[in-house]
């Protein structure tokens, strides 16, 4: 089996934020992960990641929120996308609340 692209999309929003989702199915697992998917989910502004999920070689599945990094338990693609979208929505809600309190 060759590597197969599952999802590749990038959206830019009026507020300057970007969401980019890239998911591949590979012939074998990336070292550090127990599944055959390679993924990179990004939400941020140019030059600054705000939310990210990925499984970098040797690091395994993990996520980034602002400046913090922690492990992530990958189970399936749909759950990965749900978790990412939930984190992005929570970040957007915090940012909106911060704007409204000024």
PDB file of N, CA and C in Angstrom:
ATOM      1  N   UNK A   1       0.838  -1.188   0.000  1.00  0.00           N
ATOM      2  CA  UNK A   1       0.000   0.000   0.000  1.00  0.00           C
ATOM      3  C   UNK A   1       0.882   1.249   0.000  1.00  0.00           C
ATOM      4  N   UNK A   2       0.534   2.190  -0.824  1.00  0.00           N
ATOM      5  CA  UNK A   2       1.213   3.487  -0.831  1.00  0.00           C
ATOM      6  C   UNK A   2       0.506   4.432   0.133  1.00  0.00           C
ATOM      7  N   UNK A   3       1.181   5.499   0.516  1.00  0.00           N
ATOM      8  CA  UNK A   3       0.546   6.535   1.337  1.00  0.00           C
ATOM      9  C   UNK A   3      -0.631   7.105   0.550  1.00  0.00           C
ATOM     10  N   UNK A   4      -1.717   7.366   1.281  1.00  0.00           N
ATOM     11  CA  UNK A   4      -2.945   7.848   0.641  1.00  0.00           C
ATOM     12  C   UNK A   4      -3.456   9.074   1.387  1.00  0.00           C
ATOM     13  N   UNK A   5      -3.679  10.150   0.655  1.00  0.00           N
ATOM     14  CA  UNK A   5      -4.210  11.372   1.245  1.00  0.00           C
ATOM     15  C   UNK A   5      -5.678  11.153   1.612  1.00  0.00           C
ATOM     16  N   UNK A   6      -6.023  11.439   2.873  1.00  0.00           N
ATOM     17  CA  UNK A   6      -7.398  11.304   3.361  1.00  0.00           C
ATOM     18  C   UNK A   6      -8.089  12.671   3.330  1.00  0.00           C
ATOM     19  N   UNK A   7      -7.440  13.669   3.903  1.00  0.00           N
ATOM     20  CA  UNK A   7      -7.986  15.029   3.946  1.00  0.00           C
ATOM     21  C   UNK A   7      -6.840  16.010   3.737  1.00  0.00           C
ATOM     22  N   UNK A   8      -7.104  17.017   2.943  1.00  0.00           N
ATOM     23  CA  UNK A   8      -6.155  18.129   2.780  1.00  0.00           C
ATOM     24  C   UNK A   8      -6.985  19.373   2.504  1.00  0.00           C
ATOM     25  N   UNK A   9      -7.086  20.252   3.507  1.00  0.00           N
ATOM     26  CA  UNK A   9      -7.846  21.480   3.298  1.00  0.00           C
ATOM     27  C   UNK A   9      -7.249  22.608   4.125  1.00  0.00           C
ATOM     28  N   UNK A  10      -7.467  23.807   3.608  1.00  0.00           N
ATOM     29  CA  UNK A  10      -6.982  25.002   4.289  1.00  0.00           C
ATOM     30  C   UNK A  10      -8.014  26.099   4.101  1.00  0.00           C
ATOM     31  N   UNK A  11      -8.415  26.702   5.204  1.00  0.00           N
ATOM     32  CA  UNK A  11      -9.387  27.787   5.178  1.00  0.00           C
ATOM     33  C   UNK A  11      -8.809  29.004   5.879  1.00  0.00           C
ATOM     34  N   UNK A  12      -9.038  30.167   5.284  1.00  0.00           N
ATOM     35  CA  UNK A  12      -8.650  31.450   5.884  1.00  0.00           C
ATOM     36  C   UNK A  12      -9.937  32.196   6.239  1.00  0.00           C
ATOM     37  N   UNK A  13      -9.942  32.822   7.408  1.00  0.00           N
ATOM     38  CA  UNK A  13     -11.131  33.500   7.889  1.00  0.00           C
ATOM     39  C   UNK A  13     -10.917  35.008   7.942  1.00  0.00           C
ATOM     40  N   UNK A  14     -12.013  35.743   8.001  1.00  0.00           N
ATOM     41  CA  UNK A  14     -11.955  37.207   7.986  1.00  0.00           C
ATOM     42  C   UNK A  14     -11.152  37.783   9.150  1.00  0.00           C
ATOM     43  N   UNK A  15     -11.118  37.078  10.280  1.00  0.00           N
ATOM     44  CA  UNK A  15     -10.371  37.583  11.445  1.00  0.00           C
ATOM     45  C   UNK A  15      -8.869  37.320  11.341  1.00  0.00           C
ATOM     46  N   UNK A  16      -8.417  36.749  10.218  1.00  0.00           N
ATOM     47  CA  UNK A  16      -6.995  36.496  10.005  1.00  0.00           C
ATOM     48  C   UNK A  16      -6.537  35.108  10.415  1.00  0.00           C
ATOM     49  N   UNK A  17      -7.417  34.317  11.039  1.00  0.00           N
ATOM     50  CA  UNK A  17      -7.031  32.972  11.453  1.00  0.00           C
ATOM     51  C   UNK A  17      -7.073  32.011  10.271  1.00  0.00           C
ATOM     52  N   UNK A  18      -6.339  30.927  10.444  1.00  0.00           N
ATOM     53  CA  UNK A  18      -6.209  29.891   9.419  1.00  0.00           C
ATOM     54  C   UNK A  18      -6.456  28.543  10.079  1.00  0.00           C
ATOM     55  N   UNK A  19      -7.181  27.678   9.383  1.00  0.00           N
ATOM     56  CA  UNK A  19      -7.275  26.268   9.777  1.00  0.00           C
ATOM     57  C   UNK A  19      -6.714  25.457   8.619  1.00  0.00           C
ATOM     58  N   UNK A  20      -5.793  24.559   8.939  1.00  0.00           N
ATOM     59  CA  UNK A  20      -5.252  23.652   7.934  1.00  0.00           C
ATOM     60  C   UNK A  20      -5.297  22.240   8.500  1.00  0.00           C
ATOM     61  N   UNK A  21      -5.857  21.326   7.726  1.00  0.00           N
ATOM     62  CA  UNK A  21      -5.977  19.931   8.144  1.00  0.00           C
ATOM     63  C   UNK A  21      -5.369  19.056   7.056  1.00  0.00           C
ATOM     64  N   UNK A  22      -4.401  18.231   7.454  1.00  0.00           N
ATOM     65  CA  UNK A  22      -3.745  17.303   6.539  1.00  0.00           C
ATOM     66  C   UNK A  22      -3.695  15.946   7.232  1.00  0.00           C
ATOM     67  N   UNK A  23      -4.297  14.936   6.594  1.00  0.00           N
ATOM     68  CA  UNK A  23      -4.285  13.573   7.147  1.00  0.00           C
ATOM     69  C   UNK A  23      -3.959  12.597   6.023  1.00  0.00           C
ATOM     70  N   UNK A  24      -2.989  11.728   6.297  1.00  0.00           N
ATOM     71  CA  UNK A  24      -2.568  10.685   5.373  1.00  0.00           C
ATOM     72  C   UNK A  24      -2.749   9.319   6.028  1.00  0.00           C
ATOM     73  N   UNK A  25      -3.062   8.318   5.241  1.00  0.00           N
ATOM     74  CA  UNK A  25      -2.997   6.931   5.694  1.00  0.00           C
ATOM     75  C   UNK A  25      -1.712   6.347   5.115  1.00  0.00           C
ATOM     76  N   UNK A  26      -0.898   5.759   5.981  1.00  0.00           N
ATOM     77  CA  UNK A  26       0.416   5.262   5.589  1.00  0.00           C
ATOM     78  C   UNK A  26       0.437   3.737   5.578  1.00  0.00           C
ATOM     79  N   UNK A  27       1.436   3.146   4.914  1.00  0.00           N
ATOM     80  CA  UNK A  27       1.549   1.686   4.920  1.00  0.00           C
ATOM     81  C   UNK A  27       1.879   1.117   6.305  1.00  0.00           C
ATOM     82  N   UNK A  28       2.517   1.928   7.139  1.00  0.00           N
ATOM     83  CA  UNK A  28       2.841   1.490   8.508  1.00  0.00           C
ATOM     84  C   UNK A  28       2.818   2.704   9.437  1.00  0.00           C
ATOM     85  N   UNK A  29       2.736   2.438  10.721  1.00  0.00           N
ATOM     86  CA  UNK A  29       2.626   3.517  11.717  1.00  0.00           C
ATOM     87  C   UNK A  29       3.884   4.391  11.742  1.00  0.00           C
ATOM     88  N   UNK A  30       3.678   5.656  12.032  1.00  0.00           N
ATOM     89  CA  UNK A  30       4.778   6.586  12.275  1.00  0.00           C
ATOM     90  C   UNK A  30       5.399   6.196  13.619  1.00  0.00           C
ATOM     91  N   UNK A  31       6.729   6.121  13.734  1.00  0.00           N
ATOM     92  CA  UNK A  31       7.329   5.787  15.031  1.00  0.00           C
ATOM     93  C   UNK A  31       6.806   6.690  16.144  1.00  0.00           C
ATOM     94  N   UNK A  32       6.317   6.059  17.207  1.00  0.00           N
ATOM     95  CA  UNK A  32       5.733   6.793  18.324  1.00  0.00           C
ATOM     96  C   UNK A  32       4.212   6.745  18.334  1.00  0.00           C
ATOM     97  N   UNK A  33       3.601   6.299  17.236  1.00  0.00           N
ATOM     98  CA  UNK A  33       2.140   6.174  17.137  1.00  0.00           C
ATOM     99  C   UNK A  33       1.775   4.709  16.909  1.00  0.00           C
ATOM    100  N   UNK A  34       0.569   4.330  17.336  1.00  0.00           N
ATOM    101  CA  UNK A  34       0.127   2.938  17.226  1.00  0.00           C
ATOM    102  C   UNK A  34      -0.873   2.748  16.079  1.00  0.00           C
ATOM    103  N   UNK A  35      -0.942   3.679  15.151  1.00  0.00           N
ATOM    104  CA  UNK A  35      -1.896   3.624  14.039  1.00  0.00           C
ATOM    105  C   UNK A  35      -1.185   4.054  12.769  1.00  0.00           C
ATOM    106  N   UNK A  36      -1.845   3.882  11.629  1.00  0.00           N
ATOM    107  CA  UNK A  36      -1.210   4.162  10.339  1.00  0.00           C
ATOM    108  C   UNK A  36      -1.578   5.513   9.753  1.00  0.00           C
ATOM    109  N   UNK A  37      -1.946   6.474  10.595  1.00  0.00           N
ATOM    110  CA  UNK A  37      -2.294   7.799  10.099  1.00  0.00           C
ATOM    111  C   UNK A  37      -1.220   8.808  10.478  1.00  0.00           C
ATOM    112  N   UNK A  38      -0.904   9.674   9.550  1.00  0.00           N
ATOM    113  CA  UNK A  38      -0.007  10.804   9.787  1.00  0.00           C
ATOM    114  C   UNK A  38      -0.870  12.040   9.640  1.00  0.00           C
ATOM    115  N   UNK A  39      -0.866  12.904  10.654  1.00  0.00           N
ATOM    116  CA  UNK A  39      -1.761  14.051  10.603  1.00  0.00           C
ATOM    117  C   UNK A  39      -1.112  15.302  11.151  1.00  0.00           C
ATOM    118  N   UNK A  40      -1.646  16.431  10.645  1.00  0.00           N
ATOM    119  CA  UNK A  40      -1.243  17.757  11.107  1.00  0.00           C
ATOM    120  C   UNK A  40      -2.480  18.645  11.031  1.00  0.00           C
ATOM    121  N   UNK A  41      -2.959  19.071  12.186  1.00  0.00           N
ATOM    122  CA  UNK A  41      -4.119  19.952  12.266  1.00  0.00           C
ATOM    123  C   UNK A  41      -3.640  21.251  12.904  1.00  0.00           C
ATOM    124  N   UNK A  42      -3.875  22.354  12.227  1.00  0.00           N
ATOM    125  CA  UNK A  42      -3.325  23.642  12.630  1.00  0.00           C
ATOM    126  C   UNK A  42      -4.431  24.687  12.678  1.00  0.00           C
ATOM    127  N   UNK A  43      -4.437  25.476  13.741  1.00  0.00           N
ATOM    128  CA  UNK A  43      -5.268  26.669  13.830  1.00  0.00           C
ATOM    129  C   UNK A  43      -4.383  27.773  14.368  1.00  0.00           C
ATOM    130  N   UNK A  44      -4.358  28.893  13.678  1.00  0.00           N
ATOM    131  CA  UNK A  44      -3.528  29.998  14.153  1.00  0.00           C
ATOM    132  C   UNK A  44      -3.623  31.190  13.239  1.00  0.00           C
ATOM    133  N   UNK A  45      -2.676  32.078  13.438  1.00  0.00           N
ATOM    134  CA  UNK A  45      -2.503  33.231  12.572  1.00  0.00           C
ATOM    135  C   UNK A  45      -1.128  33.071  11.939  1.00  0.00           C
ATOM    136  N   UNK A  46      -0.863  33.729  10.825  1.00  0.00           N
ATOM    137  CA  UNK A  46       0.444  33.549  10.196  1.00  0.00           C
ATOM    138  C   UNK A  46       1.592  33.729  11.203  1.00  0.00           C
ATOM    139  N   UNK A  47       2.398  32.697  11.330  1.00  0.00           N
ATOM    140  CA  UNK A  47       3.552  32.744  12.216  1.00  0.00           C
ATOM    141  C   UNK A  47       3.284  32.381  13.666  1.00  0.00           C
ATOM    142  N   UNK A  48       2.031  32.054  14.019  1.00  0.00           N
ATOM    143  CA  UNK A  48       1.723  31.716  15.411  1.00  0.00           C
ATOM    144  C   UNK A  48       0.659  30.626  15.489  1.00  0.00           C
ATOM    145  N   UNK A  49       1.082  29.426  15.917  1.00  0.00           N
ATOM    146  CA  UNK A  49       0.134  28.335  16.133  1.00  0.00           C
ATOM    147  C   UNK A  49      -0.593  28.581  17.453  1.00  0.00           C
ATOM    148  N   UNK A  50      -1.915  28.501  17.430  1.00  0.00           N
ATOM    149  CA  UNK A  50      -2.729  28.658  18.624  1.00  0.00           C
ATOM    150  C   UNK A  50      -3.224  27.297  19.125  1.00  0.00           C
ATOM    151  N   UNK A  51      -3.641  26.445  18.190  1.00  0.00           N
ATOM    152  CA  UNK A  51      -4.065  25.079  18.490  1.00  0.00           C
ATOM    153  C   UNK A  51      -3.449  24.178  17.430  1.00  0.00           C
ATOM    154  N   UNK A  52      -2.896  23.052  17.838  1.00  0.00           N
ATOM    155  CA  UNK A  52      -2.352  22.114  16.866  1.00  0.00           C
ATOM    156  C   UNK A  52      -2.409  20.696  17.373  1.00  0.00           C
ATOM    157  N   UNK A  53      -2.647  19.781  16.466  1.00  0.00           N
ATOM    158  CA  UNK A  53      -2.605  18.348  16.756  1.00  0.00           C
ATOM    159  C   UNK A  53      -1.711  17.729  15.699  1.00  0.00           C
ATOM    160  N   UNK A  54      -0.789  16.869  16.108  1.00  0.00           N
ATOM    161  CA  UNK A  54       0.045  16.180  15.129  1.00  0.00           C
ATOM    162  C   UNK A  54       0.690  14.952  15.753  1.00  0.00           C
ATOM    163  N   UNK A  55       1.308  14.157  14.924  1.00  0.00           N
ATOM    164  CA  UNK A  55       2.054  12.989  15.403  1.00  0.00           C
ATOM    165  C   UNK A  55       3.410  12.944  14.710  1.00  0.00           C
ATOM    166  N   UNK A  56       4.226  13.835  15.150  1.00  0.00           N
ATOM    167  CA  UNK A  56       5.587  13.966  14.646  1.00  0.00           C
ATOM    168  C   UNK A  56       6.379  12.682  14.932  1.00  0.00           C
ATOM    169  N   UNK A  57       7.198  12.310  13.981  1.00  0.00           N
ATOM    170  CA  UNK A  57       8.021  11.102  14.112  1.00  0.00           C
ATOM    171  C   UNK A  57       8.799  11.132  15.434  1.00  0.00           C
ATOM    172  N   UNK A  58       8.664  10.052  16.213  1.00  0.00           N
ATOM    173  CA  UNK A  58       9.380   9.927  17.479  1.00  0.00           C
ATOM    174  C   UNK A  58       8.660  10.545  18.665  1.00  0.00           C
ATOM    175  N   UNK A  59       7.798  11.530  18.432  1.00  0.00           N
ATOM    176  CA  UNK A  59       7.053  12.175  19.517  1.00  0.00           C
ATOM    177  C   UNK A  59       5.702  11.522  19.739  1.00  0.00           C
ATOM    178  N   UNK A  60       5.157  10.897  18.716  1.00  0.00           N
ATOM    179  CA  UNK A  60       3.840  10.292  18.816  1.00  0.00           C
ATOM    180  C   UNK A  60       2.739  11.335  18.785  1.00  0.00           C
ATOM    181  N   UNK A  61       1.549  10.900  19.143  1.00  0.00           N
ATOM    182  CA  UNK A  61       0.366  11.752  19.099  1.00  0.00           C
ATOM    183  C   UNK A  61       0.425  12.797  20.210  1.00  0.00           C
ATOM    184  N   UNK A  62       0.249  14.056  19.838  1.00  0.00           N
ATOM    185  CA  UNK A  62       0.250  15.124  20.839  1.00  0.00           C
ATOM    186  C   UNK A  62      -0.499  16.334  20.306  1.00  0.00           C
ATOM    187  N   UNK A  63      -0.791  17.266  21.212  1.00  0.00           N
ATOM    188  CA  UNK A  63      -1.486  18.492  20.822  1.00  0.00           C
ATOM    189  C   UNK A  63      -0.825  19.697  21.460  1.00  0.00           C
ATOM    190  N   UNK A  64      -1.049  20.822  20.837  1.00  0.00           N
ATOM    191  CA  UNK A  64      -0.524  22.105  21.295  1.00  0.00           C
ATOM    192  C   UNK A  64      -1.709  23.023  21.549  1.00  0.00           C
ATOM    193  N   UNK A  65      -1.696  23.691  22.679  1.00  0.00           N
ATOM    194  CA  UNK A  65      -2.687  24.737  22.976  1.00  0.00           C
ATOM    195  C   UNK A  65      -1.910  25.930  23.465  1.00  0.00           C
ATOM    196  N   UNK A  66      -2.004  27.005  22.717  1.00  0.00           N
ATOM    197  CA  UNK A  66      -1.187  28.192  22.987  1.00  0.00           C
ATOM    198  C   UNK A  66       0.271  27.750  23.064  1.00  0.00           C
ATOM    199  N   UNK A  67       0.953  27.951  24.177  1.00  0.00           N
ATOM    200  CA  UNK A  67       2.373  27.586  24.275  1.00  0.00           C
ATOM    201  C   UNK A  67       2.602  26.245  24.972  1.00  0.00           C
ATOM    202  N   UNK A  68       1.524  25.507  25.272  1.00  0.00           N
ATOM    203  CA  UNK A  68       1.657  24.231  25.984  1.00  0.00           C
ATOM    204  C   UNK A  68       1.517  23.051  25.032  1.00  0.00           C
ATOM    205  N   UNK A  69       2.260  21.992  25.317  1.00  0.00           N
ATOM    206  CA  UNK A  69       2.183  20.768  24.536  1.00  0.00           C
ATOM    207  C   UNK A  69       1.871  19.614  25.485  1.00  0.00           C
ATOM    208  N   UNK A  70       0.995  18.705  25.070  1.00  0.00           N
ATOM    209  CA  UNK A  70       0.669  17.541  25.882  1.00  0.00           C
ATOM    210  C   UNK A  70       0.344  16.355  25.002  1.00  0.00           C
ATOM    211  N   UNK A  71       0.308  15.187  25.595  1.00  0.00           N
ATOM    212  CA  UNK A  71       0.020  13.983  24.821  1.00  0.00           C
ATOM    213  C   UNK A  71      -1.442  13.978  24.387  1.00  0.00           C
ATOM    214  N   UNK A  72      -1.730  13.196  23.363  1.00  0.00           N
ATOM    215  CA  UNK A  72      -3.083  13.046  22.850  1.00  0.00           C
ATOM    216  C   UNK A  72      -3.322  11.570  22.582  1.00  0.00           C
ATOM    217  N   UNK A  73      -4.473  11.062  22.990  1.00  0.00           N
ATOM    218  CA  UNK A  73      -4.829   9.658  22.769  1.00  0.00           C
ATOM    219  C   UNK A  73      -5.661   9.548  21.491  1.00  0.00           C
ATOM    220  N   UNK A  74      -4.999   9.213  20.402  1.00  0.00           N
ATOM    221  CA  UNK A  74      -5.685   9.051  19.118  1.00  0.00           C
ATOM    222  C   UNK A  74      -6.485   7.755  19.136  1.00  0.00           C
ATOM    223  N   UNK A  75      -7.776   7.846  18.742  1.00  0.00           N
ATOM    224  CA  UNK A  75      -8.607   6.648  18.629  1.00  0.00           C
ATOM    225  C   UNK A  75      -9.109   6.457  17.196  1.00  0.00           C
ATOM    226  N   UNK A  76      -9.607   7.529  16.597  1.00  0.00           N
ATOM    227  CA  UNK A  76     -10.088   7.470  15.214  1.00  0.00           C
ATOM    228  C   UNK A  76     -10.114   8.880  14.637  1.00  0.00           C
ATOM    229  N   UNK A  77     -10.159   8.965  13.323  1.00  0.00           N
ATOM    230  CA  UNK A  77     -10.089  10.260  12.649  1.00  0.00           C
ATOM    231  C   UNK A  77     -11.250  11.164  13.034  1.00  0.00           C
ATOM    232  N   UNK A  78     -12.466  10.634  13.062  1.00  0.00           N
ATOM    233  CA  UNK A  78     -13.627  11.478  13.395  1.00  0.00           C
ATOM    234  C   UNK A  78     -13.483  12.092  14.783  1.00  0.00           C
ATOM    235  N   UNK A  79     -12.990  11.326  15.733  1.00  0.00           N
ATOM    236  CA  UNK A  79     -12.794  11.852  17.093  1.00  0.00           C
ATOM    237  C   UNK A  79     -11.680  12.898  17.117  1.00  0.00           C
ATOM    238  N   UNK A  80     -10.613  12.665  16.365  1.00  0.00           N
ATOM    239  CA  UNK A  80      -9.529  13.642  16.237  1.00  0.00           C
ATOM    240  C   UNK A  80     -10.068  14.979  15.734  1.00  0.00           C
ATOM    241  N   UNK A  81     -10.864  14.928  14.668  1.00  0.00           N
ATOM    242  CA  UNK A  81     -11.433  16.157  14.106  1.00  0.00           C
ATOM    243  C   UNK A  81     -12.380  16.833  15.095  1.00  0.00           C
ATOM    244  N   UNK A  82     -13.196  16.044  15.797  1.00  0.00           N
ATOM    245  CA  UNK A  82     -14.099  16.605  16.807  1.00  0.00           C
ATOM    246  C   UNK A  82     -13.322  17.297  17.928  1.00  0.00           C
ATOM    247  N   UNK A  83     -12.274  16.638  18.426  1.00  0.00           N
ATOM    248  CA  UNK A  83     -11.468  17.220  19.507  1.00  0.00           C
ATOM    249  C   UNK A  83     -10.797  18.516  19.055  1.00  0.00           C
ATOM    250  N   UNK A  84     -10.242  18.502  17.854  1.00  0.00           N
ATOM    251  CA  UNK A  84      -9.597  19.701  17.303  1.00  0.00           C
ATOM    252  C   UNK A  84     -10.607  20.840  17.167  1.00  0.00           C
ATOM    253  N   UNK A  85     -11.753  20.547  16.556  1.00  0.00           N
ATOM    254  CA  UNK A  85     -12.772  21.590  16.362  1.00  0.00           C
ATOM    255  C   UNK A  85     -13.287  22.119  17.699  1.00  0.00           C
ATOM    256  N   UNK A  86     -13.417  21.266  18.704  1.00  0.00           N
ATOM    257  CA  UNK A  86     -13.849  21.698  20.033  1.00  0.00           C
ATOM    258  C   UNK A  86     -12.817  22.654  20.643  1.00  0.00           C
ATOM    259  N   UNK A  87     -11.534  22.324  20.517  1.00  0.00           N
ATOM    260  CA  UNK A  87     -10.477  23.204  21.032  1.00  0.00           C
ATOM    261  C   UNK A  87     -10.455  24.544  20.302  1.00  0.00           C
ATOM    262  N   UNK A  88     -10.638  24.512  18.994  1.00  0.00           N
ATOM    263  CA  UNK A  88     -10.657  25.758  18.208  1.00  0.00           C
ATOM    264  C   UNK A  88     -11.841  26.618  18.639  1.00  0.00           C
ATOM    265  N   UNK A  89     -13.007  26.002  18.780  1.00  0.00           N
ATOM    266  CA  UNK A  89     -14.201  26.749  19.191  1.00  0.00           C
ATOM    267  C   UNK A  89     -14.016  27.339  20.590  1.00  0.00           C
ATOM    268  N   UNK A  90     -13.431  26.582  21.508  1.00  0.00           N
ATOM    269  CA  UNK A  90     -13.172  27.093  22.864  1.00  0.00           C
ATOM    270  C   UNK A  90     -12.216  28.282  22.802  1.00  0.00           C
ATOM    271  N   UNK A  91     -11.171  28.199  21.963  1.00  0.00           N
ATOM    272  CA  UNK A  91     -10.224  29.314  21.830  1.00  0.00           C
ATOM    273  C   UNK A  91     -10.950  30.541  21.285  1.00  0.00           C
ATOM    274  N   UNK A  92     -11.760  30.351  20.248  1.00  0.00           N
ATOM    275  CA  UNK A  92     -12.503  31.475  19.655  1.00  0.00           C
ATOM    276  C   UNK A  92     -13.445  32.111  20.684  1.00  0.00           C
ATOM    277  N   UNK A  93     -14.118  31.291  21.491  1.00  0.00           N
ATOM    278  CA  UNK A  93     -15.024  31.821  22.517  1.00  0.00           C
ATOM    279  C   UNK A  93     -14.263  32.619  23.570  1.00  0.00           C
ATOM    280  N   UNK A  94     -13.084  32.127  24.005  1.00  0.00           N
ATOM    281  CA  UNK A  94     -12.263  32.878  24.954  1.00  0.00           C
ATOM    282  C   UNK A  94     -11.829  34.207  24.364  1.00  0.00           C
ATOM    283  N   UNK A  95     -11.409  34.190  23.108  1.00  0.00           N
ATOM    284  CA  UNK A  95     -10.963  35.422  22.446  1.00  0.00           C
ATOM    285  C   UNK A  95     -12.119  36.416  22.336  1.00  0.00           C
ATOM    286  N   UNK A  96     -13.307  35.928  22.013  1.00  0.00           N
ATOM    287  CA  UNK A  96     -14.485  36.802  21.913  1.00  0.00           C
ATOM    288  C   UNK A  96     -14.832  37.388  23.284  1.00  0.00           C
ATOM    289  N   UNK A  97     -14.772  36.557  24.349  1.00  0.00           N
ATOM    290  CA  UNK A  97     -15.035  37.034  25.700  1.00  0.00           C
ATOM    291  C   UNK A  97     -14.019  38.101  26.107  1.00  0.00           C
ATOM    292  N   UNK A  98     -12.733  37.876  25.754  1.00  0.00           N
ATOM    293  CA  UNK A  98     -11.694  38.853  26.070  1.00  0.00           C
ATOM    294  C   UNK A  98     -11.974  40.189  25.366  1.00  0.00           C
ATOM    295  N   UNK A  99     -12.406  40.117  24.109  1.00  0.00           N
ATOM    296  CA  UNK A  99     -12.731  41.340  23.357  1.00  0.00           C
ATOM    297  C   UNK A  99     -13.914  42.068  23.974  1.00  0.00           C
ATOM    298  N   UNK A 100     -14.905  41.318  24.434  1.00  0.00           N
ATOM    299  CA  UNK A 100     -16.116  41.930  25.012  1.00  0.00           C
ATOM    300  C   UNK A 100     -15.860  42.532  26.393  1.00  0.00           C
ATOM    301  N   UNK A 101     -14.821  42.071  27.089  1.00  0.00           N
ATOM    302  CA  UNK A 101     -14.554  42.584  28.435  1.00  0.00           C
ATOM    303  C   UNK A 101     -13.706  43.862  28.400  1.00  0.00           C
ATOM    304  N   UNK A 102     -13.270  44.257  27.252  1.00  0.00           N
ATOM    305  CA  UNK A 102     -12.429  45.477  27.149  1.00  0.00           C
ATOM    306  C   UNK A 102     -13.261  46.701  27.025  1.00  0.00           C
TER     307      UNK A 102
END
